[in-house]
C-alpha atoms as a PDB file:
ATOM      1  CA  MET A   1      -0.687  23.918  14.103  1.00  0.00           C
ATOM      2  CA  SER A   2      -0.758  26.659  11.528  1.00  0.00           C
ATOM      3  CA  ASP A   3      -2.509  26.371   8.198  1.00  0.00           C
ATOM      4  CA  ALA A   4      -0.367  25.248   5.268  1.00  0.00           C
ATOM      5  CA  ARG A   5       1.114  27.905   3.009  1.00  0.00           C
ATOM      6  CA  THR A   6       1.908  27.478  -0.675  1.00  0.00           C
ATOM      7  CA  SER A   7       5.563  26.935   0.251  1.00  0.00           C
ATOM      8  CA  ASP A   8       4.539  24.045   2.508  1.00  0.00           C
ATOM      9  CA  LYS A   9       2.930  21.975  -0.250  1.00  0.00           C
ATOM     10  CA  ILE A  10       4.227  18.482  -0.850  1.00  0.00           C
ATOM     11  CA  ARG A  11       3.658  16.530  -4.047  1.00  0.00           C
ATOM     12  CA  VAL A  12       3.062  12.854  -3.275  1.00  0.00           C
ATOM     13  CA  ASN A  13       3.232  10.257  -6.039  1.00  0.00           C
ATOM     14  CA  VAL A  14       1.398   6.948  -5.641  1.00  0.00           C
ATOM     15  CA  PHE A  15       0.227   3.799  -7.340  1.00  0.00           C
ATOM     16  CA  PRO A  16      -3.565   4.259  -7.429  1.00  0.00           C
ATOM     17  CA  GLY A  17      -5.442   2.127  -4.937  1.00  0.00           C
ATOM     18  CA  GLY A  18      -7.008   1.770  -1.514  1.00  0.00           C
ATOM     19  CA  PHE A  19      -3.586   1.493   0.101  1.00  0.00           C
ATOM     20  CA  ASN A  20      -3.460   5.315  -0.200  1.00  0.00           C
ATOM     21  CA  TRP A  21      -6.384   5.601   2.217  1.00  0.00           C
ATOM     22  CA  GLY A  22      -4.283   7.351   4.849  1.00  0.00           C
ATOM     23  CA  LEU A  23      -3.360  10.067   2.350  1.00  0.00           C
ATOM     24  CA  TYR A  24      -6.985  10.502   1.302  1.00  0.00           C
ATOM     25  CA  VAL A  25      -8.121  10.843   4.913  1.00  0.00           C
ATOM     26  CA  GLY A  26      -5.273  13.169   5.834  1.00  0.00           C
ATOM     27  CA  ALA A  27      -6.111  15.482   2.944  1.00  0.00           C
ATOM     28  CA  ASP A  28      -9.913  15.299   3.105  1.00  0.00           C
ATOM     29  CA  LYS A  29     -10.102  15.745   6.884  1.00  0.00           C
ATOM     30  CA  GLY A  30      -7.587  18.601   6.928  1.00  0.00           C
ATOM     31  CA  ILE A  31      -5.168  16.612   9.075  1.00  0.00           C
ATOM     32  CA  PHE A  32      -2.082  17.498   7.038  1.00  0.00           C
ATOM     33  CA  THR A  33      -3.164  21.134   6.985  1.00  0.00           C
ATOM     34  CA  ARG A  34      -3.357  21.167  10.781  1.00  0.00           C
ATOM     35  CA  HIS A  35       0.225  19.967  10.828  1.00  0.00           C
ATOM     36  CA  GLY A  36       1.250  22.874   8.618  1.00  0.00           C
ATOM     37  CA  ILE A  37       1.524  21.215   5.205  1.00  0.00           C
ATOM     38  CA  ALA A  38      -0.719  20.553   2.218  1.00  0.00           C
ATOM     39  CA  ILE A  39      -0.365  17.543  -0.057  1.00  0.00           C
ATOM     40  CA  SER A  40      -1.302  16.900  -3.655  1.00  0.00           C
ATOM     41  CA  VAL A  41      -1.573  13.294  -4.783  1.00  0.00           C
ATOM     42  CA  SER A  42      -0.756  12.109  -8.307  1.00  0.00           C
ATOM     43  CA  GLY A  43      -0.777   8.590  -9.757  1.00  0.00           C
ATOM     44  CA  THR A  44       1.912   6.702 -11.607  1.00  0.00           C
ATOM     45  CA  PRO A  45       1.407   3.935 -14.194  1.00  0.00           C
ATOM     46  CA  ASN A  46       4.496   1.934 -13.209  1.00  0.00           C
ATOM     47  CA  SER A  47       7.659   1.889 -11.112  1.00  0.00           C
ATOM     48  CA  VAL A  48       9.950   2.904 -13.999  1.00  0.00           C
ATOM     49  CA  THR A  49       8.021   6.153 -14.400  1.00  0.00           C
ATOM     50  CA  GLN A  50       7.783   6.736 -10.664  1.00  0.00           C
ATOM     51  CA  MET A  51      11.469   6.197  -9.915  1.00  0.00           C
ATOM     52  CA  THR A  52      12.557   8.224 -12.940  1.00  0.00           C
ATOM     53  CA  GLU A  53      10.395  11.160 -11.885  1.00  0.00           C
ATOM     54  CA  LEU A  54      11.546  10.889  -8.254  1.00  0.00           C
ATOM     55  CA  SER A  55      15.136  11.193  -9.455  1.00  0.00           C
ATOM     56  CA  GLN A  56      14.148  14.278 -11.465  1.00  0.00           C
ATOM     57  CA  GLY A  57      12.459  15.961  -8.506  1.00  0.00           C
ATOM     58  CA  LYS A  58       9.036  16.020 -10.176  1.00  0.00           C
ATOM     59  CA  PHE A  59       7.515  15.279  -6.765  1.00  0.00           C
ATOM     60  CA  GLU A  60       8.820  15.226  -3.222  1.00  0.00           C
ATOM     61  CA  ILE A  61       7.507  11.980  -1.719  1.00  0.00           C
ATOM     62  CA  ALA A  62       6.822   8.599  -3.298  1.00  0.00           C
ATOM     63  CA  MET A  63       4.556   6.033  -1.711  1.00  0.00           C
ATOM     64  CA  THR A  64       6.164   2.964  -3.195  1.00  0.00           C
ATOM     65  CA  ALA A  65       7.346  -0.569  -2.532  1.00  0.00           C
ATOM     66  CA  VAL A  66      10.555  -0.318  -0.514  1.00  0.00           C
ATOM     67  CA  ASP A  67      12.093  -2.845  -2.891  1.00  0.00           C
ATOM     68  CA  ASN A  68      11.978  -0.118  -5.549  1.00  0.00           C
ATOM     69  CA  ILE A  69      14.129   2.077  -3.317  1.00  0.00           C
ATOM     70  CA  VAL A  70      16.585  -0.740  -2.673  1.00  0.00           C
ATOM     71  CA  ALA A  71      16.762  -1.584  -6.375  1.00  0.00           C
ATOM     72  CA  TYR A  72      17.586   1.941  -7.487  1.00  0.00           C
ATOM     73  CA  VAL A  73      20.074   2.595  -4.696  1.00  0.00           C
ATOM     74  CA  GLU A  74      21.872  -0.556  -5.858  1.00  0.00           C
ATOM     75  CA  GLY A  75      21.648   0.312  -9.558  1.00  0.00           C
ATOM     76  CA  GLN A  76      19.396  -2.691 -10.257  1.00  0.00           C
ATOM     77  CA  GLY A  77      16.324  -0.799 -11.436  1.00  0.00           C
ATOM     78  CA  GLU A  78      14.864  -1.039 -14.936  1.00  0.00           C
ATOM     79  CA  ALA A  79      14.806   2.698 -15.576  1.00  0.00           C
ATOM     80  CA  PRO A  80      18.084   3.831 -17.228  1.00  0.00           C
ATOM     81  CA  ILE A  81      18.907   6.349 -14.494  1.00  0.00           C
ATOM     82  CA  GLY A  82      21.846   4.584 -12.835  1.00  0.00           C
ATOM     83  CA  PRO A  83      22.352   4.095  -9.087  1.00  0.00           C
ATOM     84  CA  GLN A  84      20.341   6.500  -6.928  1.00  0.00           C
ATOM     85  CA  PRO A  85      22.020   6.808  -3.514  1.00  0.00           C
ATOM     86  CA  GLU A  86      19.748   9.823  -2.906  1.00  0.00           C
ATOM     87  CA  PHE A  87      16.701   7.569  -2.512  1.00  0.00           C
ATOM     88  CA  PHE A  88      15.687   6.513   1.007  1.00  0.00           C
ATOM     89  CA  ALA A  89      12.639   5.416   3.010  1.00  0.00           C
ATOM     90  CA  PHE A  90      11.551   7.245   6.168  1.00  0.00           C
ATOM     91  CA  MET A  91       8.196   5.706   7.143  1.00  0.00           C
ATOM     92  CA  GLY A  92       6.497   2.323   6.767  1.00  0.00           C
ATOM     93  CA  SER A  93       2.904   1.970   5.632  1.00  0.00           C
ATOM     94  CA  ASP A  94       2.025  -1.704   5.229  1.00  0.00           C
ATOM     95  CA  SER A  95       3.075  -5.177   4.157  1.00  0.00           C
ATOM     96  CA  GLY A  96       1.878  -4.570   0.605  1.00  0.00           C
ATOM     97  CA  PHE A  97      -1.492  -6.328   1.039  1.00  0.00           C
ATOM     98  CA  LEU A  98      -0.324  -8.682  -1.709  1.00  0.00           C
ATOM     99  CA  SER A  99      -2.267 -11.652  -3.013  1.00  0.00           C
ATOM    100  CA  LEU A 100      -1.537 -13.999  -5.881  1.00  0.00           C
ATOM    101  CA  VAL A 101      -4.644 -13.909  -8.086  1.00  0.00           C
ATOM    102  CA  ALA A 102      -5.283 -16.193 -11.062  1.00  0.00           C
ATOM    103  CA  CYS A 103      -7.802 -16.863 -13.805  1.00  0.00           C
ATOM    104  CA  PRO A 104     -10.874 -18.935 -12.821  1.00  0.00           C
ATOM    105  CA  GLU A 105      -9.614 -22.241 -14.181  1.00  0.00           C
ATOM    106  CA  VAL A 106      -6.534 -22.162 -11.911  1.00  0.00           C
ATOM    107  CA  SER A 107      -7.225 -23.308  -8.339  1.00  0.00           C
ATOM    108  CA  THR A 108      -3.708 -24.167  -7.076  1.00  0.00           C
ATOM    109  CA  ILE A 109      -0.296 -22.555  -7.477  1.00  0.00           C
ATOM    110  CA  PRO A 110       1.361 -25.560  -9.210  1.00  0.00           C
ATOM    111  CA  GLU A 111      -1.262 -25.248 -11.955  1.00  0.00           C
ATOM    112  CA  LEU A 112       0.510 -22.025 -13.048  1.00  0.00           C
ATOM    113  CA  ALA A 113       3.263 -24.116 -14.656  1.00  0.00           C
ATOM    114  CA  GLY A 114       3.606 -23.124 -18.303  1.00  0.00           C
ATOM    115  CA  ARG A 115       1.217 -20.198 -17.928  1.00  0.00           C
ATOM    116  CA  LEU A 116       1.724 -16.455 -18.524  1.00  0.00           C
ATOM    117  CA  LEU A 117       2.019 -14.225 -15.451  1.00  0.00           C
ATOM    118  CA  SER A 118       2.250 -10.419 -15.326  1.00  0.00           C
ATOM    119  CA  VAL A 119       4.481  -8.077 -13.318  1.00  0.00           C
ATOM    120  CA  ASP A 120       5.100  -4.347 -13.086  1.00  0.00           C
ATOM    121  CA  ALA A 121       8.802  -4.710 -13.882  1.00  0.00           C
ATOM    122  CA  LEU A 122      11.039  -7.775 -13.931  1.00  0.00           C
ATOM    123  CA  THR A 123      13.675  -6.406 -11.578  1.00  0.00           C
ATOM    124  CA  THR A 124      11.739  -4.346  -9.028  1.00  0.00           C
ATOM    125  CA  GLY A 125       8.612  -4.088  -6.931  1.00  0.00           C
ATOM    126  CA  TYR A 126       6.682  -7.221  -6.171  1.00  0.00           C
ATOM    127  CA  ALA A 127       7.982  -9.452  -8.958  1.00  0.00           C
ATOM    128  CA  PHE A 128      10.385 -11.115  -6.520  1.00  0.00           C
ATOM    129  CA  VAL A 129       7.505 -11.885  -4.147  1.00  0.00           C
ATOM    130  CA  LEU A 130       5.764 -13.629  -7.030  1.00  0.00           C
ATOM    131  CA  PHE A 131       8.926 -15.549  -7.983  1.00  0.00           C
ATOM    132  CA  ASP A 132       9.446 -16.750  -4.412  1.00  0.00           C
ATOM    133  CA  ILE A 133       5.851 -17.839  -3.864  1.00  0.00           C
ATOM    134  CA  LEU A 134       6.122 -19.879  -7.042  1.00  0.00           C
ATOM    135  CA  ARG A 135       9.529 -21.297  -6.033  1.00  0.00           C
ATOM    136  CA  ARG A 136       8.203 -22.404  -2.667  1.00  0.00           C
ATOM    137  CA  ASN A 137       5.447 -24.235  -4.519  1.00  0.00           C
ATOM    138  CA  GLY A 138       7.827 -26.097  -6.830  1.00  0.00           C
ATOM    139  CA  LEU A 139       7.875 -23.687  -9.790  1.00  0.00           C
ATOM    140  CA  GLU A 140      11.377 -22.445 -10.621  1.00  0.00           C
ATOM    141  CA  ARG A 141      12.066 -19.668 -13.120  1.00  0.00           C
ATOM    142  CA  GLY A 142      11.643 -20.987 -16.636  1.00  0.00           C
ATOM    143  CA  THR A 143       8.653 -23.166 -15.772  1.00  0.00           C
ATOM    144  CA  TYR A 144       6.295 -20.227 -16.391  1.00  0.00           C
ATOM    145  CA  GLN A 145       6.250 -17.129 -18.584  1.00  0.00           C
ATOM    146  CA  ILE A 146       6.513 -13.525 -17.400  1.00  0.00           C
ATOM    147  CA  LYS A 147       5.198 -10.374 -19.069  1.00  0.00           C
ATOM    148  CA  ARG A 148       5.695  -6.726 -18.062  1.00  0.00           C
ATOM    149  CA  VAL A 149       2.287  -5.048 -17.896  1.00  0.00           C
ATOM    150  CA  GLY A 150       2.614  -2.127 -15.472  1.00  0.00           C
ATOM    151  CA  GLY A 151       1.166  -1.011 -12.155  1.00  0.00           C
ATOM    152  CA  MET A 152      -1.700  -2.474 -10.167  1.00  0.00           C
ATOM    153  CA  VAL A 153      -4.512  -0.962 -12.240  1.00  0.00           C
ATOM    154  CA  GLU A 154      -2.899  -2.047 -15.499  1.00  0.00           C
ATOM    155  CA  ARG A 155      -2.310  -5.597 -14.257  1.00  0.00           C
ATOM    156  CA  PHE A 156      -5.813  -5.891 -12.835  1.00  0.00           C
ATOM    157  CA  ASN A 157      -7.445  -4.758 -16.074  1.00  0.00           C
ATOM    158  CA  SER A 158      -5.212  -7.014 -18.138  1.00  0.00           C
ATOM    159  CA  LEU A 159      -5.952 -10.037 -15.941  1.00  0.00           C
ATOM    160  CA  VAL A 160      -9.701  -9.366 -16.097  1.00  0.00           C
ATOM    161  CA  ALA A 161      -9.347  -9.234 -19.902  1.00  0.00           C
ATOM    162  CA  ARG A 162      -7.677 -12.689 -19.657  1.00  0.00           C
ATOM    163  CA  ASN A 163      -4.474 -11.453 -21.302  1.00  0.00           C
ATOM    164  CA  GLU A 164      -2.496 -13.276 -18.612  1.00  0.00           C
ATOM    165  CA  ASP A 165      -3.213 -16.119 -16.221  1.00  0.00           C
ATOM    166  CA  ALA A 166      -2.097 -14.635 -12.875  1.00  0.00           C
ATOM    167  CA  THR A 167      -0.519 -11.658 -11.145  1.00  0.00           C
ATOM    168  CA  MET A 168       0.116 -10.121  -7.731  1.00  0.00           C
ATOM    169  CA  LEU A 169      -2.648  -7.722  -6.652  1.00  0.00           C
ATOM    170  CA  SER A 170      -3.064  -5.535  -3.581  1.00  0.00           C
ATOM    171  CA  ALA A 171      -6.362  -4.690  -1.914  1.00  0.00           C
ATOM    172  CA  PRO A 172      -8.848  -3.666  -3.101  1.00  0.00           C
ATOM    173  CA  TYR A 173      -7.929  -5.132  -6.504  1.00  0.00           C
ATOM    174  CA  ASN A 174      -7.859  -8.672  -5.111  1.00  0.00           C
ATOM    175  CA  LEU A 175     -11.419  -8.040  -3.893  1.00  0.00           C
ATOM    176  CA  LEU A 176     -12.509  -6.588  -7.226  1.00  0.00           C
ATOM    177  CA  ALA A 177     -10.869  -9.564  -8.949  1.00  0.00           C
ATOM    178  CA  LYS A 178     -12.973 -12.016  -6.948  1.00  0.00           C
ATOM    179  CA  ASP A 179     -16.056 -10.082  -8.058  1.00  0.00           C
ATOM    180  CA  GLN A 180     -14.895 -10.784 -11.621  1.00  0.00           C
ATOM    181  CA  GLY A 181     -14.722 -14.529 -10.957  1.00  0.00           C
ATOM    182  CA  LEU A 182     -10.947 -14.657 -10.552  1.00  0.00           C
ATOM    183  CA  THR A 183      -9.258 -16.855  -7.932  1.00  0.00           C
ATOM    184  CA  GLU A 184      -7.257 -15.556  -4.966  1.00  0.00           C
ATOM    185  CA  LEU A 185      -4.693 -18.329  -4.488  1.00  0.00           C
ATOM    186  CA  VAL A 186      -2.745 -17.061  -1.456  1.00  0.00           C
ATOM    187  CA  LYS A 187      -1.790 -13.958   0.475  1.00  0.00           C
ATOM    188  CA  ALA A 188       1.925 -13.182   0.286  1.00  0.00           C
ATOM    189  CA  THR A 189       2.461 -12.817   4.034  1.00  0.00           C
ATOM    190  CA  THR A 190       1.014 -16.314   4.540  1.00  0.00           C
ATOM    191  CA  VAL A 191       4.000 -17.610   2.571  1.00  0.00           C
ATOM    192  CA  LEU A 192       6.733 -15.072   3.392  1.00  0.00           C
ATOM    193  CA  GLY A 193       5.887 -13.930   6.914  1.00  0.00           C
ATOM    194  CA  HIS A 194       7.068 -10.378   7.708  1.00  0.00           C
ATOM    195  CA  TYR A 195       7.428  -8.278   4.574  1.00  0.00           C
ATOM    196  CA  GLN A 196       7.910  -4.527   4.254  1.00  0.00           C
ATOM    197  CA  GLY A 197       5.731  -3.362   1.394  1.00  0.00           C
ATOM    198  CA  ASN A 198       4.875   0.282   0.841  1.00  0.00           C
ATOM    199  CA  VAL A 199       6.918   3.052   2.403  1.00  0.00           C
ATOM    200  CA  SER A 200       7.172   6.808   2.212  1.00  0.00           C
ATOM    201  CA  ALA A 201      10.354   7.643   0.328  1.00  0.00           C
ATOM    202  CA  ALA A 202      12.148  10.786  -0.787  1.00  0.00           C
ATOM    203  CA  ARG A 203      15.517  12.144  -1.887  1.00  0.00           C
ATOM    204  CA  ARG A 204      17.997  12.630   0.936  1.00  0.00           C
ATOM    205  CA  SER A 205      18.970  16.163  -0.107  1.00  0.00           C
ATOM    206  CA  TRP A 206      15.354  17.323  -0.242  1.00  0.00           C
ATOM    207  CA  ALA A 207      14.598  15.764   3.149  1.00  0.00           C
ATOM    208  CA  ARG A 208      17.648  17.405   4.744  1.00  0.00           C
ATOM    209  CA  ASP A 209      16.541  20.786   3.423  1.00  0.00           C
ATOM    210  CA  ASN A 210      12.910  20.198   4.435  1.00  0.00           C
ATOM    211  CA  GLU A 211      13.113  18.293   7.695  1.00  0.00           C
ATOM    212  CA  GLY A 212      10.085  20.074   9.121  1.00  0.00           C
ATOM    213  CA  LYS A 213       7.928  19.043   6.169  1.00  0.00           C
ATOM    214  CA  VAL A 214       9.007  15.405   6.479  1.00  0.00           C
ATOM    215  CA  VAL A 215       8.222  15.412  10.199  1.00  0.00           C
ATOM    216  CA  ALA A 216       4.843  17.066   9.582  1.00  0.00           C
ATOM    217  CA  PHE A 217       4.024  14.510   6.893  1.00  0.00           C
ATOM    218  CA  ILE A 218       4.804  11.636   9.262  1.00  0.00           C
ATOM    219  CA  ARG A 219       2.693  13.157  12.039  1.00  0.00           C
ATOM    220  CA  GLY A 220      -0.210  13.820   9.705  1.00  0.00           C
ATOM    221  CA  TYR A 221      -0.101  10.355   8.191  1.00  0.00           C
ATOM    222  CA  ARG A 222       0.043   8.658  11.597  1.00  0.00           C
ATOM    223  CA  GLU A 223      -2.956  10.689  12.753  1.00  0.00           C
ATOM    224  CA  ALA A 224      -4.880   9.740   9.603  1.00  0.00           C
ATOM    225  CA  ILE A 225      -4.177   6.033  10.146  1.00  0.00           C
ATOM    226  CA  ALA A 226      -5.282   6.303  13.782  1.00  0.00           C
ATOM    227  CA  TRP A 227      -8.497   7.979  12.593  1.00  0.00           C
ATOM    228  CA  LEU A 228      -9.088   5.160  10.121  1.00  0.00           C
ATOM    229  CA  TYR A 229      -8.719   2.521  12.820  1.00  0.00           C
ATOM    230  CA  ASP A 230     -11.431   4.134  14.982  1.00  0.00           C
ATOM    231  CA  PRO A 231     -14.563   2.023  14.317  1.00  0.00           C
ATOM    232  CA  ALA A 232     -16.730   5.105  14.800  1.00  0.00           C
ATOM    233  CA  ASN A 233     -15.256   6.517  11.581  1.00  0.00           C
ATOM    234  CA  ARG A 234     -15.909   3.490   9.387  1.00  0.00           C
ATOM    235  CA  GLU A 235     -18.851   4.895   7.420  1.00  0.00           C
ATOM    236  CA  GLU A 236     -17.122   8.211   6.739  1.00  0.00           C
ATOM    237  CA  ALA A 237     -13.877   6.411   5.888  1.00  0.00           C
ATOM    238  CA  VAL A 238     -15.626   4.313   3.233  1.00  0.00           C
ATOM    239  CA  ALA A 239     -17.201   7.473   1.805  1.00  0.00           C
ATOM    240  CA  ILE A 240     -13.768   9.124   1.597  1.00  0.00           C
ATOM    241  CA  LEU A 241     -12.332   6.086  -0.175  1.00  0.00           C
ATOM    242  CA  ARG A 242     -15.120   6.068  -2.757  1.00  0.00           C
ATOM    243  CA  ARG A 243     -14.824   9.800  -3.281  1.00  0.00           C
ATOM    244  CA  ASN A 244     -11.153   9.359  -4.147  1.00  0.00           C
ATOM    245  CA  LEU A 245     -11.672   6.111  -6.059  1.00  0.00           C
ATOM    246  CA  PRO A 246     -15.111   6.662  -7.648  1.00  0.00           C
ATOM    247  CA  GLN A 247     -14.784   3.566  -9.832  1.00  0.00           C
ATOM    248  CA  MET A 248     -14.813   1.359  -6.726  1.00  0.00           C
ATOM    249  CA  PRO A 249     -18.188  -0.264  -5.978  1.00  0.00           C
ATOM    250  CA  GLN A 250     -19.657   0.336  -2.527  1.00  0.00           C
ATOM    251  CA  ARG A 251     -19.359  -3.358  -1.615  1.00  0.00           C
ATOM    252  CA  ALA A 252     -15.653  -3.418  -2.505  1.00  0.00           C
ATOM    253  CA  ALA A 253     -15.031  -0.235  -0.511  1.00  0.00           C
ATOM    254  CA  GLU A 254     -16.690  -1.750   2.543  1.00  0.00           C
ATOM    255  CA  ALA A 255     -14.732  -4.986   2.115  1.00  0.00           C
ATOM    256  CA  SER A 256     -11.547  -2.936   1.809  1.00  0.00           C
ATOM    257  CA  TYR A 257     -12.105  -1.609   5.310  1.00  0.00           C
ATOM    258  CA  SER A 258     -12.064  -5.118   6.741  1.00  0.00           C
ATOM    259  CA  GLU A 259      -8.978  -6.068   4.735  1.00  0.00           C
ATOM    260  CA  LEU A 260      -6.851  -2.924   4.912  1.00  0.00           C
ATOM    261  CA  LEU A 261      -7.624  -2.374   8.584  1.00  0.00           C
ATOM    262  CA  ALA A 262      -7.424  -5.995   9.700  1.00  0.00           C
ATOM    263  CA  PRO A 263      -6.086  -6.329  13.275  1.00  0.00           C
ATOM    264  CA  GLN A 264      -2.932  -8.223  12.261  1.00  0.00           C
ATOM    265  CA  ASP A 265      -2.412  -7.566   8.559  1.00  0.00           C
ATOM    266  CA  GLY A 266      -3.752  -4.044   8.048  1.00  0.00           C
ATOM    267  CA  PHE A 267      -1.969  -0.717   7.825  1.00  0.00           C
ATOM    268  CA  PHE A 268       0.898  -0.491  10.298  1.00  0.00           C
ATOM    269  CA  ARG A 269      -0.696   1.286  13.262  1.00  0.00           C
ATOM    270  CA  ASP A 270       2.599   2.846  14.353  1.00  0.00           C
ATOM    271  CA  CYS A 271       3.767   3.507  10.758  1.00  0.00           C
ATOM    272  CA  LYS A 272       7.256   2.275  11.623  1.00  0.00           C
ATOM    273  CA  ILE A 273       9.425   0.610   9.009  1.00  0.00           C
ATOM    274  CA  ASP A 274       9.362  -3.123   9.768  1.00  0.00           C
ATOM    275  CA  LEU A 275      13.039  -4.052   9.928  1.00  0.00           C
ATOM    276  CA  GLU A 276      12.212  -7.772   9.995  1.00  0.00           C
ATOM    277  CA  GLY A 277      10.151  -7.181   6.874  1.00  0.00           C
ATOM    278  CA  MET A 278      13.084  -5.252   5.380  1.00  0.00           C
ATOM    279  CA  ALA A 279      15.276  -8.305   5.967  1.00  0.00           C
ATOM    280  CA  CYS A 280      12.833 -10.346   3.864  1.00  0.00           C
ATOM    281  CA  VAL A 281      12.938  -7.737   1.083  1.00  0.00           C
ATOM    282  CA  LEU A 282      16.740  -7.799   1.056  1.00  0.00           C
ATOM    283  CA  ASP A 283      16.818 -11.599   1.108  1.00  0.00           C
ATOM    284  CA  LEU A 284      14.556 -11.749  -1.954  1.00  0.00           C
ATOM    285  CA  ARG A 285      16.613  -9.120  -3.775  1.00  0.00           C
ATOM    286  CA  SER A 286      19.807 -11.015  -2.920  1.00  0.00           C
ATOM    287  CA  ARG A 287      18.272 -14.126  -4.490  1.00  0.00           C
ATOM    288  CA  TYR A 288      16.657 -12.592  -7.599  1.00  0.00           C
ATOM    289  CA  GLY A 289      18.291  -9.197  -8.207  1.00  0.00           C
ATOM    290  CA  GLU A 290      20.681  -8.630 -11.111  1.00  0.00           C
ATOM    291  CA  PRO A 291      23.587  -8.152 -11.019  1.00  0.00           C
ATOM    292  CA  GLN A 292      23.478 -10.497  -8.068  1.00  0.00           C
ATOM    293  CA  LYS A 293      24.860  -9.209  -4.775  1.00  0.00           C
ATOM    294  CA  ARG A 294      24.319  -9.983  -1.118  1.00  0.00           C
ATOM    295  CA  LEU A 295      22.285  -7.276   0.628  1.00  0.00           C
ATOM    296  CA  ASP A 296      21.919  -7.375   4.407  1.00  0.00           C
ATOM    297  CA  ASP A 297      21.973  -3.807   5.760  1.00  0.00           C
ATOM    298  CA  PRO A 298      18.464  -2.290   5.870  1.00  0.00           C
ATOM    299  CA  MET A 299      19.805   1.021   7.193  1.00  0.00           C
ATOM    300  CA  LYS A 300      21.521   1.648   3.867  1.00  0.00           C
ATOM    301  CA  TYR A 301      18.058   2.377   2.447  1.00  0.00           C
ATOM    302  CA  CYS A 302      16.336   3.966   5.468  1.00  0.00           C
ATOM    303  CA  ASP A 303      16.763   6.956   7.745  1.00  0.00           C
ATOM    304  CA  LEU A 304      14.717   6.641  10.922  1.00  0.00           C
ATOM    305  CA  SER A 305      15.762   9.997  12.396  1.00  0.00           C
ATOM    306  CA  TYR A 306      12.805  11.860  10.871  1.00  0.00           C
ATOM    307  CA  PHE A 307      10.406   9.311  12.335  1.00  0.00           C
ATOM    308  CA  GLN A 308      12.018   9.579  15.766  1.00  0.00           C
ATOM    309  CA  ARG A 309      11.671  13.345  15.707  1.00  0.00           C
ATOM    310  CA  ALA A 310       8.026  13.038  14.641  1.00  0.00           C
ATOM    311  CA  ILE A 311       7.073  10.797  17.560  1.00  0.00           C
ATOM    312  CA  GLY A 312       9.447  12.314  20.111  1.00  0.00           C
END
């Protein structure tokens, strides 16, 4: 593949965290460049900012919870930008690596009754996962308090400061939380089963005009994930993670490898969108989204043609 030119650069917007490991590897190892593109990675503080800026074309690709895409296509997002039929997902990354984490004095989910819990936004992202885990453990809405705090970093820092009693955290923040004496109550997939978490998303018009870039991004990302899963690369992979997340302790980075690359629950090896997991996302949004509507067509929010071309 040819080296990337300036015109082949792609701006990728992410929530900071180890779940961006594939991007870090792809950039640091020159994998994307070999596929003819270059990426720049920027962080977002919350989903409202990310979805607003995606609608404005401030970046080309968002690594985000697919529920955010569904929410804004349906006009159920918190940002005042209206329905966004342009938004769509084209590649799956993972199940979200979500865990419900609580303050030290809480050891069971029912003990969260009457307590204050934090979310990114009330109507998008992983708030519905939190609501359903609580519901399945006997806690209906109204039996606990909810506070908007922001993205993963913001919620982690706020929970460590004991501003709230629990939140949903993804690896490695659940690992860092345990180092701070916090309690990991349950992993989301243990309760929900299949769940489509993070995806690569873009605007349909941009993707149509830049099909080659989308295909190259998919190929580069898949190669980076395959590289990560090779045990021979573990030491270098941990070094890449720490270089991109310098605040992460060495022990947490090493633990992240075991968690994010777990045989069953790690990054999706094939990087396909999990349609069974999408069905779970739509079921949760049908239950908790406002205005309430029944959602049951995952292909309204996905276009798999780019993926098929990438692997064909």
